[in-house]
Amino acid sequence: MKAIITGGTGFIGRHVVAELLNSGVDVTVLTSILPPPQTVRTPKTTLY
């Protein structure tokens, strides 16, 4: 399964991304924060 998360670097978004990754979902994060925080940078996460 794949998911796109907007605001994935915010407080709630980070937790949503972590749970999806733990469930085996490939996650794409859309964020306006550049560079994105290290907390959402994983091999299974694509950041835009």
C-alpha atoms as a PDB file:
ATOM      1  CA  MET A   1       0.000   0.000   0.000  1.00  0.00           C
ATOM      2  CA  LYS A   2       1.105   3.576  -0.605  1.00  0.00           C
ATOM      3  CA  ALA A   3       0.114   6.783   1.204  1.00  0.00           C
ATOM      4  CA  ILE A   4       0.640  10.508   0.669  1.00  0.00           C
ATOM      5  CA  ILE A   5       0.760  12.575   3.854  1.00  0.00           C
ATOM      6  CA  THR A   6       0.543  16.370   3.762  1.00  0.00           C
ATOM      7  CA  GLY A   7       2.105  18.101   6.738  1.00  0.00           C
ATOM      8  CA  GLY A   8       4.095  14.979   7.518  1.00  0.00           C
ATOM      9  CA  THR A   9       6.793  16.914   9.355  1.00  0.00           C
ATOM     10  CA  GLY A  10       4.439  18.442  11.919  1.00  0.00           C
ATOM     11  CA  PHE A  11       3.675  16.995  15.335  1.00  0.00           C
ATOM     12  CA  ILE A  12       0.691  14.890  14.292  1.00  0.00           C
ATOM     13  CA  GLY A  13       2.002  14.133  10.808  1.00  0.00           C
ATOM     14  CA  ARG A  14       5.262  12.684  12.157  1.00  0.00           C
ATOM     15  CA  HIS A  15       3.322  10.226  14.284  1.00  0.00           C
ATOM     16  CA  VAL A  16       1.023   9.274  11.409  1.00  0.00           C
ATOM     17  CA  VAL A  17       4.045   8.689   9.150  1.00  0.00           C
ATOM     18  CA  ALA A  18       5.743   6.553  11.819  1.00  0.00           C
ATOM     19  CA  GLU A  19       2.650   4.361  12.288  1.00  0.00           C
ATOM     20  CA  LEU A  20       2.208   3.896   8.548  1.00  0.00           C
ATOM     21  CA  LEU A  21       5.868   2.948   8.133  1.00  0.00           C
ATOM     22  CA  ASN A  22       5.571   0.467  11.016  1.00  0.00           C
ATOM     23  CA  SER A  23       2.610  -1.065   9.179  1.00  0.00           C
ATOM     24  CA  GLY A  24       4.698  -1.546   6.016  1.00  0.00           C
ATOM     25  CA  VAL A  25       3.173   1.291   3.987  1.00  0.00           C
ATOM     26  CA  ASP A  26       5.308   3.215   1.478  1.00  0.00           C
ATOM     27  CA  VAL A  27       4.904   6.873   2.491  1.00  0.00           C
ATOM     28  CA  THR A  28       5.279  10.070   0.460  1.00  0.00           C
ATOM     29  CA  VAL A  29       5.446  13.237   2.576  1.00  0.00           C
ATOM     30  CA  LEU A  30       4.524  16.684   1.253  1.00  0.00           C
ATOM     31  CA  THR A  31       5.963  19.475   3.364  1.00  0.00           C
ATOM     32  CA  SER A  32       6.790  23.159   3.166  1.00  0.00           C
ATOM     33  CA  ILE A  33       9.619  22.811   5.706  1.00  0.00           C
ATOM     34  CA  LEU A  34      12.985  22.643   3.965  1.00  0.00           C
ATOM     35  CA  PRO A  35      15.088  20.777   4.725  1.00  0.00           C
ATOM     36  CA  PRO A  36      12.717  18.228   6.277  1.00  0.00           C
ATOM     37  CA  PRO A  37      13.551  17.096   9.804  1.00  0.00           C
ATOM     38  CA  GLN A  38      15.605  13.924  10.200  1.00  0.00           C
ATOM     39  CA  THR A  39      12.687  12.289  12.052  1.00  0.00           C
ATOM     40  CA  VAL A  40      10.795  11.574   8.807  1.00  0.00           C
ATOM     41  CA  ARG A  41      13.801  10.628   6.645  1.00  0.00           C
ATOM     42  CA  THR A  42      13.776   6.877   6.216  1.00  0.00           C
ATOM     43  CA  PRO A  43      14.526   4.601   3.234  1.00  0.00           C
ATOM     44  CA  LYS A  44      10.789   3.989   2.764  1.00  0.00           C
ATOM     45  CA  THR A  45       9.840   7.687   2.880  1.00  0.00           C
ATOM     46  CA  THR A  46       9.837   9.957  -0.172  1.00  0.00           C
ATOM     47  CA  LEU A  47       9.901  13.672   0.651  1.00  0.00           C
ATOM     48  CA  TYR A  48       8.678  16.515  -1.596  1.00  0.00           C
END
